[in-house]
Amino acid sequence: MLQKICPANLYRTSLLVLSLVLPGHIGSAGEVLDWVLSTGVLRIPNNSSWPPYSFLDETGNITGFDIEVADEIARRIGVRLEVLPNPDSLNHTWAEQTSGQWNGAYDAVIGSMTPTAKRDLVLDFHVVYYYAIGSLAVHDDNRTVHVPADASGKRIGVMKAANYELYIRREPFGIVGIEPPKYVIDDPVVVTYDAGTGPYDALEKGDGVELDGFIEDLPVIMRLVEDGRPFKVIGTPLYRVPQAVAIQPGDPEFANLIKQTVDAMREGRARLSVFPSLAHSVGSGPSNDLAAWRRNRYLSSDLKTAKAIHVTRSSRSSFIDSPSSAG
């Protein structure tokens, strides 16, 4: 009876043949792929304080949408996922991850990275697995900011080197096939943080104490509010951008294996237990190949039709749709 061959096993067999027939050329399948397959481990950096994308569950294990996507990718290529300890986002900062200066510490970033033109100079992006929606949040006690434009001239917190900083500084994303966002916050005072939790902690001290607001992914803000943090979403989302798996250049076999694996996850409608509406981005829909992404031919229906959500302290678990949809 024929058995289904795992792509990773096929690569391992190819490497063995190469090592026997072409001594000294074992690295021809790609240095990173060689390492992943020989060690049986796929290493990624991530932090445990960015729900619903990555966080600690009740048993103390790291989980979340990005973690489950990465774990499924590792499982399908026949290796084990290792999430490098990074509790405060400072062991492997986002600035480090986006710079491409990994120094062999990890093999891929599966952590909601936007494939901007600048990052594309030092990293390879071959597959997108969902779209992110950036929104403005203020303290629950704020009574002056009703729409994002009202935050003009105010202190806005963002994580350093994240797409939030690009947006608030009006630096172009440079994503082929994606229209530039509409900038509505004029002359902000930009406050950056190395760790993603920095803006949350600063704003939680009170309205206007250290910050007047911060920009984050909409699902993150929703989760923070559900967890009791005193924040609320303002107006409609500011922008929508693709999120891709990032690897270092020079290993096309590894890139192809990652792309084929994510494509198979979509075709097989893989379902992830964390945040089902995000999982829909991986689990269904047309092919996730780079060319299709650049033509902007597939947007997750959940995210394309998602509406701005206003959250108040009295209604943290029942989100009210705004009349206008996300753009």
Protein backbone atom coordinates (compact mmCIF):
# COMPACT_ATOMS: atom_id res chain seq x y z
CA MET A 1 0.00 0.00 0.00
CA LEU A 2 1.32 3.42 -0.95
CA GLN A 3 2.03 5.79 1.89
CA LYS A 4 1.74 9.55 1.74
CA ILE A 5 5.20 11.11 1.64
CA CYS A 6 5.84 14.10 3.91
CA PRO A 7 7.61 16.95 2.06
CA ALA A 8 10.24 17.09 4.80
CA ASN A 9 10.97 13.37 4.44
CA LEU A 10 11.40 13.87 0.71
CA TYR A 11 13.90 16.63 1.38
CA ARG A 12 15.71 14.46 3.92
CA THR A 13 16.01 11.68 1.33
CA SER A 14 17.34 14.16 -1.22
CA LEU A 15 19.91 15.42 1.26
CA LEU A 16 21.06 11.88 2.01
CA VAL A 17 21.53 11.17 -1.70
CA LEU A 18 23.45 14.42 -2.11
CA SER A 19 25.69 13.58 0.83
CA LEU A 20 26.55 10.19 -0.69
CA VAL A 21 26.91 11.22 -4.32
CA LEU A 22 28.26 14.76 -3.91
CA PRO A 23 30.42 14.93 -0.79
CA GLY A 24 30.93 18.47 0.41
CA HIS A 25 27.69 19.66 -1.20
CA ILE A 26 25.29 18.73 1.59
CA GLY A 27 24.38 22.41 1.96
CA SER A 28 23.03 22.63 -1.58
CA ALA A 29 19.46 22.28 -0.32
CA GLY A 30 19.86 25.51 1.63
CA GLU A 31 21.68 26.20 4.87
CA VAL A 32 18.58 26.94 6.94
CA LEU A 33 16.61 24.03 5.54
CA ASP A 34 19.57 21.74 6.20
CA TRP A 35 19.64 22.91 9.80
CA VAL A 36 15.88 22.54 10.34
CA LEU A 37 15.76 19.05 8.88
CA SER A 38 18.93 17.80 10.53
CA THR A 39 17.94 19.05 13.99
CA GLY A 40 14.23 18.31 13.60
CA VAL A 41 13.41 21.75 15.02
CA LEU A 42 11.93 24.93 13.56
CA ARG A 43 12.94 27.89 15.76
CA ILE A 44 10.96 31.11 15.90
CA PRO A 45 11.08 34.14 18.20
CA ASN A 46 7.89 35.31 19.84
CA ASN A 47 6.68 36.84 23.08
CA SER A 48 4.01 35.64 25.47
CA SER A 49 2.22 38.94 25.98
CA TRP A 50 0.50 39.69 22.68
CA PRO A 51 -2.92 38.00 22.76
CA PRO A 52 -4.62 36.70 20.70
CA TYR A 53 -1.50 36.14 18.56
CA SER A 54 0.81 34.85 21.30
CA PHE A 55 0.20 34.45 25.03
CA LEU A 56 0.43 31.98 27.89
CA ASP A 57 -2.54 29.70 28.47
CA GLU A 58 -3.81 28.59 31.88
CA THR A 59 -1.15 25.87 32.02
CA GLY A 60 1.69 28.29 31.32
CA ASN A 61 2.29 27.15 27.74
CA ILE A 62 2.62 29.66 24.95
CA THR A 63 -0.22 29.62 22.45
CA GLY A 64 -2.07 32.02 20.15
CA PHE A 65 -2.84 32.41 16.48
CA ASP A 66 0.74 32.94 15.31
CA ILE A 67 1.96 30.11 17.53
CA GLU A 68 -0.66 27.69 16.21
CA VAL A 69 0.13 28.64 12.62
CA ALA A 70 3.83 28.06 13.25
CA ASP A 71 3.19 24.80 15.07
CA GLU A 72 1.05 23.51 12.20
CA ILE A 73 3.71 24.47 9.67
CA ALA A 74 6.36 22.62 11.71
CA ARG A 75 4.13 19.56 12.13
CA ARG A 76 3.44 19.35 8.41
CA ILE A 77 7.10 19.51 7.43
CA GLY A 78 7.91 16.85 10.00
CA VAL A 79 9.75 18.83 12.66
CA ARG A 80 9.09 20.24 16.12
CA LEU A 81 8.39 23.92 16.79
CA GLU A 82 10.61 25.68 19.31
CA VAL A 83 9.48 29.12 20.47
CA LEU A 84 12.51 30.94 21.82
CA PRO A 85 12.02 32.41 25.30
CA ASN A 86 11.17 36.08 24.91
CA PRO A 87 8.86 37.07 27.77
CA ASP A 88 9.30 40.84 27.48
CA SER A 89 10.03 41.12 23.73
CA LEU A 90 13.56 42.29 24.55
CA ASN A 91 15.55 39.08 23.96
CA HIS A 92 14.82 39.30 20.24
CA THR A 93 13.32 42.72 19.63
CA TRP A 94 10.99 43.48 16.77
CA ALA A 95 13.64 45.85 15.41
CA GLU A 96 16.07 42.92 15.32
CA GLN A 97 13.56 40.61 13.66
CA THR A 98 12.67 43.11 10.94
CA SER A 99 16.32 44.03 10.32
CA GLY A 100 17.25 40.51 9.22
CA GLN A 101 20.20 40.51 11.63
CA TRP A 102 19.24 37.18 13.18
CA ASN A 103 22.78 35.80 13.46
CA GLY A 104 21.48 32.25 13.22
CA ALA A 105 19.41 32.55 16.41
CA TYR A 106 16.19 31.47 14.69
CA ASP A 107 15.00 30.09 11.38
CA ALA A 108 11.86 32.08 10.58
CA VAL A 109 9.60 34.77 11.95
CA ILE A 110 5.97 33.71 12.04
CA GLY A 111 4.85 36.63 14.12
CA SER A 112 2.57 38.89 12.09
CA MET A 113 5.23 40.69 10.06
CA THR A 114 4.16 43.15 7.39
CA PRO A 115 6.22 42.64 4.20
CA THR A 116 7.21 46.26 3.60
CA ALA A 117 9.56 47.35 0.83
CA LYS A 118 12.30 48.16 3.33
CA ARG A 119 12.08 44.77 5.01
CA ASP A 120 11.99 43.06 1.63
CA LEU A 121 15.55 44.28 1.09
CA VAL A 122 16.86 42.08 3.92
CA LEU A 123 14.23 39.36 4.25
CA ASP A 124 12.27 37.03 1.98
CA PHE A 125 8.47 36.94 2.05
CA HIS A 126 6.93 34.15 -0.01
CA VAL A 127 3.56 33.59 1.60
CA VAL A 128 0.96 35.71 3.38
CA TYR A 129 -1.26 34.05 5.96
CA TYR A 130 -3.64 36.83 7.04
CA TYR A 131 -4.35 40.56 6.98
CA ALA A 132 -3.96 42.85 9.99
CA ILE A 133 -6.12 45.85 10.83
CA GLY A 134 -4.47 48.73 12.67
CA SER A 135 -6.62 50.83 15.00
CA LEU A 136 -6.31 53.66 17.50
CA ALA A 137 -7.05 53.06 21.18
CA VAL A 138 -7.38 55.61 23.97
CA HIS A 139 -7.98 55.38 27.71
CA ASP A 140 -11.52 54.58 28.74
CA ASP A 141 -11.72 57.91 30.61
CA ASN A 142 -10.93 59.95 27.51
CA ARG A 143 -13.76 62.25 26.44
CA THR A 144 -12.04 64.34 23.76
CA VAL A 145 -11.01 61.83 21.09
CA HIS A 146 -14.07 60.65 19.18
CA VAL A 147 -12.49 59.93 15.79
CA PRO A 148 -8.82 59.27 14.95
CA ALA A 149 -8.33 62.81 13.63
CA ASP A 150 -9.04 64.11 17.13
CA ALA A 151 -5.73 62.55 18.21
CA SER A 152 -3.79 65.04 16.09
CA GLY A 153 -0.99 66.67 18.08
CA LYS A 154 -1.33 64.14 20.91
CA ARG A 155 1.14 61.59 22.30
CA ILE A 156 0.68 58.30 20.48
CA GLY A 157 2.55 55.18 21.62
CA VAL A 158 3.76 52.51 19.20
CA MET A 159 6.16 49.58 19.23
CA LYS A 160 9.47 50.46 17.59
CA ALA A 161 9.87 49.27 13.98
CA ALA A 162 6.29 47.95 13.82
CA ASN A 163 3.83 48.91 11.11
CA TYR A 164 2.18 51.15 13.72
CA GLU A 165 5.29 53.33 13.77
CA LEU A 166 5.41 53.43 9.98
CA TYR A 167 1.81 54.57 9.90
CA ILE A 168 2.02 57.26 12.58
CA ARG A 169 5.23 58.68 11.04
CA ARG A 170 3.67 58.49 7.57
CA GLU A 171 6.50 56.37 6.25
CA PRO A 172 5.35 54.40 3.19
CA PHE A 173 4.73 50.68 3.63
CA GLY A 174 5.78 50.17 0.02
CA ILE A 175 3.68 47.04 -0.44
CA VAL A 176 3.06 46.22 -4.10
CA GLY A 177 -0.65 46.00 -4.84
CA ILE A 178 -1.70 47.72 -1.62
CA GLU A 179 -2.87 51.32 -1.74
CA PRO A 180 -1.24 53.69 0.76
CA PRO A 181 -3.38 54.25 3.85
CA LYS A 182 -5.19 57.50 4.51
CA TYR A 183 -3.36 59.42 7.18
CA VAL A 184 -5.76 61.17 9.52
CA ILE A 185 -3.65 61.92 12.62
CA ASP A 186 -1.70 65.15 12.05
CA ASP A 187 1.47 66.20 13.89
CA PRO A 188 1.43 63.49 16.57
CA VAL A 189 4.07 63.22 19.27
CA VAL A 190 5.36 59.70 18.58
CA VAL A 191 6.48 57.69 21.61
CA THR A 192 8.21 54.41 20.77
CA TYR A 193 8.74 51.30 22.91
CA ASP A 194 11.03 48.30 22.40
CA ALA A 195 8.39 45.95 23.82
CA GLY A 196 4.88 45.67 22.48
CA THR A 197 3.43 45.94 25.98
CA GLY A 198 5.04 49.33 26.54
CA PRO A 199 2.18 51.42 25.14
CA TYR A 200 -0.44 49.42 27.07
CA ASP A 201 1.33 49.87 30.39
CA ALA A 202 1.88 53.58 29.77
CA LEU A 203 -1.73 54.33 28.80
CA GLU A 204 -3.11 52.26 31.66
CA LYS A 205 -1.60 54.78 34.09
CA GLY A 206 -4.36 57.16 33.11
CA ASP A 207 -5.70 59.32 30.30
CA GLY A 208 -2.96 61.73 29.30
CA VAL A 209 -0.58 60.75 32.10
CA GLU A 210 2.12 59.39 29.79
CA LEU A 211 0.19 58.78 26.59
CA ASP A 212 -3.01 59.93 24.92
CA GLY A 213 -3.41 56.77 22.85
CA PHE A 214 -1.67 53.94 21.02
CA ILE A 215 -1.98 52.11 17.71
CA GLU A 216 -2.30 48.33 17.67
CA ASP A 217 -3.93 45.50 15.75
CA LEU A 218 -7.67 45.56 16.35
CA PRO A 219 -7.92 41.99 17.73
CA VAL A 220 -5.17 42.80 20.24
CA ILE A 221 -7.04 45.84 21.53
CA MET A 222 -10.23 43.79 21.75
CA ARG A 223 -8.43 41.14 23.79
CA LEU A 224 -6.86 43.74 26.09
CA VAL A 225 -10.31 45.17 26.80
CA GLU A 226 -11.75 41.72 27.41
CA ASP A 227 -8.95 41.19 29.93
CA GLY A 228 -10.04 44.29 31.82
CA ARG A 229 -7.59 46.88 30.51
CA PRO A 230 -9.18 50.39 30.51
CA PHE A 231 -9.04 51.05 26.76
CA LYS A 232 -11.49 51.70 23.95
CA VAL A 233 -11.23 51.68 20.16
CA ILE A 234 -11.69 54.98 18.35
CA GLY A 235 -13.50 55.19 15.03
CA THR A 236 -12.85 53.03 12.02
CA PRO A 237 -9.56 51.16 11.49
CA LEU A 238 -6.63 53.16 10.18
CA TYR A 239 -5.24 50.65 7.69
CA ARG A 240 -5.12 47.00 6.62
CA VAL A 241 -1.88 45.24 5.68
CA PRO A 242 -0.82 41.66 4.81
CA GLN A 243 1.12 39.56 7.33
CA ALA A 244 3.70 37.12 6.00
CA VAL A 245 6.14 34.43 7.05
CA ALA A 246 9.65 35.92 7.00
CA ILE A 247 12.86 34.03 6.33
CA GLN A 248 16.36 35.14 5.45
CA PRO A 249 17.33 35.32 1.77
CA GLY A 250 19.36 32.65 0.03
CA ASP A 251 17.41 29.49 0.76
CA PRO A 252 14.82 29.02 -2.03
CA GLU A 253 14.17 25.40 -1.05
CA PHE A 254 13.20 26.45 2.46
CA ALA A 255 11.06 29.27 1.08
CA ASN A 256 9.31 26.89 -1.29
CA LEU A 257 8.67 24.34 1.46
CA ILE A 258 7.13 27.00 3.74
CA LYS A 259 4.96 28.33 0.90
CA GLN A 260 3.75 24.87 -0.14
CA THR A 261 2.94 24.04 3.47
CA VAL A 262 0.85 27.16 4.06
CA ASP A 263 -0.89 26.69 0.72
CA ALA A 264 -1.76 23.14 1.78
CA MET A 265 -3.10 24.43 5.08
CA ARG A 266 -5.43 26.74 3.18
CA GLU A 267 -6.51 24.11 0.68
CA GLY A 268 -7.17 21.68 3.52
CA ARG A 269 -9.06 24.36 5.45
CA ALA A 270 -6.90 23.88 8.51
CA ARG A 271 -8.76 25.08 11.57
CA LEU A 272 -6.95 26.59 14.49
CA SER A 273 -8.46 26.75 17.96
CA VAL A 274 -7.33 30.29 18.78
CA PHE A 275 -9.29 33.20 17.35
CA PRO A 276 -11.35 31.40 14.67
CA SER A 277 -11.94 34.53 12.55
CA LEU A 278 -8.19 34.89 12.10
CA ALA A 279 -7.78 31.18 11.51
CA HIS A 280 -10.19 31.61 8.62
CA SER A 281 -7.44 33.58 6.89
CA VAL A 282 -5.24 30.48 6.79
CA GLY A 283 -7.92 27.84 6.69
CA SER A 284 -9.89 28.87 3.64
CA GLY A 285 -9.89 31.05 0.60
CA PRO A 286 -7.86 31.09 -2.61
CA SER A 287 -4.16 30.43 -2.94
CA ASN A 288 -1.81 32.45 -0.79
CA ASP A 289 1.01 32.74 -3.31
CA LEU A 290 3.04 35.92 -3.44
CA ALA A 291 1.97 36.91 -6.95
CA ALA A 292 -1.70 36.70 -6.01
CA TRP A 293 -1.05 38.69 -2.86
CA ARG A 294 0.73 41.41 -4.83
CA ARG A 295 -2.27 41.64 -7.15
CA ASN A 296 -4.40 41.97 -4.01
CA ARG A 297 -6.72 39.22 -5.24
CA TYR A 298 -7.46 37.61 -1.95
CA LEU A 299 -8.53 39.25 1.23
CA SER A 300 -9.92 37.26 4.11
CA SER A 301 -13.66 37.79 4.03
CA ASP A 302 -13.62 38.19 7.79
CA LEU A 303 -11.15 41.05 7.59
CA LYS A 304 -12.42 42.62 4.39
CA THR A 305 -15.88 43.09 5.85
CA ALA A 306 -14.81 43.63 9.45
CA LYS A 307 -16.39 46.70 10.99
CA ALA A 308 -14.88 49.14 13.40
CA ILE A 309 -15.60 48.15 16.96
CA HIS A 310 -16.30 50.59 19.76
CA VAL A 311 -15.64 49.25 23.22
CA THR A 312 -16.67 50.78 26.50
CA ARG A 313 -15.95 49.69 30.04
CA SER A 314 -19.61 48.82 30.59
CA SER A 315 -19.71 46.60 27.52
CA ARG A 316 -16.33 44.92 27.24
CA SER A 317 -17.65 41.62 25.97
CA SER A 318 -20.34 42.89 23.58
CA PHE A 319 -18.76 44.83 20.75
CA ILE A 320 -20.92 47.29 18.81
CA ASP A 321 -20.44 47.59 15.06
CA SER A 322 -19.79 51.00 13.59
CA PRO A 323 -21.97 52.01 10.63
CA SER A 324 -18.92 52.18 8.37
CA SER A 325 -16.76 49.20 7.47
CA ALA A 326 -13.02 48.83 7.60
CA GLY A 327 -11.19 50.06 4.57
